[in-house]
């Protein structure tokens, strides 16, 4: 070879090209193996971070690290089997670190692989989605591929066809996860199906998909994040006493229904005050705990609250229509409580809404000449139909007031604000102190015989 002449690096197996690989199967295996080793190191680093900041590690994985192999999956065919070492380190190292469990079984791994809006955590099994994503990528870029092969000088895309292709891909991806969820339900108990139903409610997972931004109050410490996961999937919470102060066996279900400590009132009052604050930006005459007018012989249906001291949670003017007066009352129930266990998710919300309406609706309409909206929420983060309508109207009024914002942004803000507020007070109830030393217990302690009295055979020295 002549000096100064640049020669090509000729290979018989292929080479890396634009982040993917072109060449033989053996070359592709070596390429994927090398890439996988780097990704495994990144995941192990995230697992170490997760020991201190699991929320941060989860966000970095979903919105950052996982995108690296997503690109390779979409551009490199038939690599599902080659990615098993990557899936193993995700399942055995990363997931236990962010969830706070030492072992992840196959059923729970399948649950986690579902999208967050379907009750999962948006951490798919890369071995089962890689080949499907490659075929989807081929379909989405088919027009561009043909233009390159035909060496067209002008790129004329059929945008209607491209839009249809993208819609079909989204529909097929949704169907894939729906079928997978159905298989999970068939292989597991009814309790698991109910957990997924509750975690799939609209807006429930926004705490999981939100970036941990401290300025908005979206950050959690490691215990809070692990407790959120336990609450989402109804796990046993760790590092708590076996018995509650009231004497009952301690669990998530008991902690969220126990009346000791006043945490049910804290949860209710916090959400009430949040609604009052949001309404004050778009309505007039917002009042917290407004007293209802006294009755003067009005004939109300059976079950109506008729006491003179009756109050509701929040009232405001000009909400549904100009100058009208709306009254709201908040109720938060725990879906896993025995009283709700036999009802479907939809039935639970309807039941609690009807209880509120039976108590106050007739009195508000007949006496106050206003409207009544029960704001029913669950401890898992879902909301009833009436609350959903109320929140949508609230976001619409915020959009009308601020012309610089759009409806979807305001709706997302309201959902996140309510979700994080409810989540914070629910987490407090899981570990909050529920009692104080009573007089009777103090007396028992003071009467303890500590064997400090001098025995008969003891003599002074």
Foldseek 3Di string as FASTA:
>chain_A
DDPPDDDDDDDQAWDDDPLETDGHPVVNLVVLLVVLVVLLVVLLVLLVVLLWALLQSLCCVQVPSVVSVLVHLQAPADCLVSCVVVLVSCQQRRVCSNQVHNHDDPLLLLQQCADQLQLHQVPHRCSVCSNVNNVLSCQLCVLVVVCVVVVPPDRDDPVVSNVVSVVVSVVVVVVVRVVSVVVSPVVDDVLQVQLSVLSNFPLLCLLSVDRCDVVVPSGDTSLLSNVLSCLSRVHFRPDADQAAPVGHGAGLQCLQVPPFPPLQVVLQLLLLVVVLVLCVVQFPPKDAFDFACADDPDDADPLEDHDRRDTAGIWTAQQPHHGAIETEHEDEEACVHPVNVVDHPQVVQVVVQVNVCSHHQRSCCPPVVHGYAYWYYYLSQHTHPSNVVSLLSSLVSVCVVPVVDDSVVSSSVSSVVSNVSSSVSSSCSSHPRGDDDDPVNVVVVVPDCPVPDDDPVDDDD
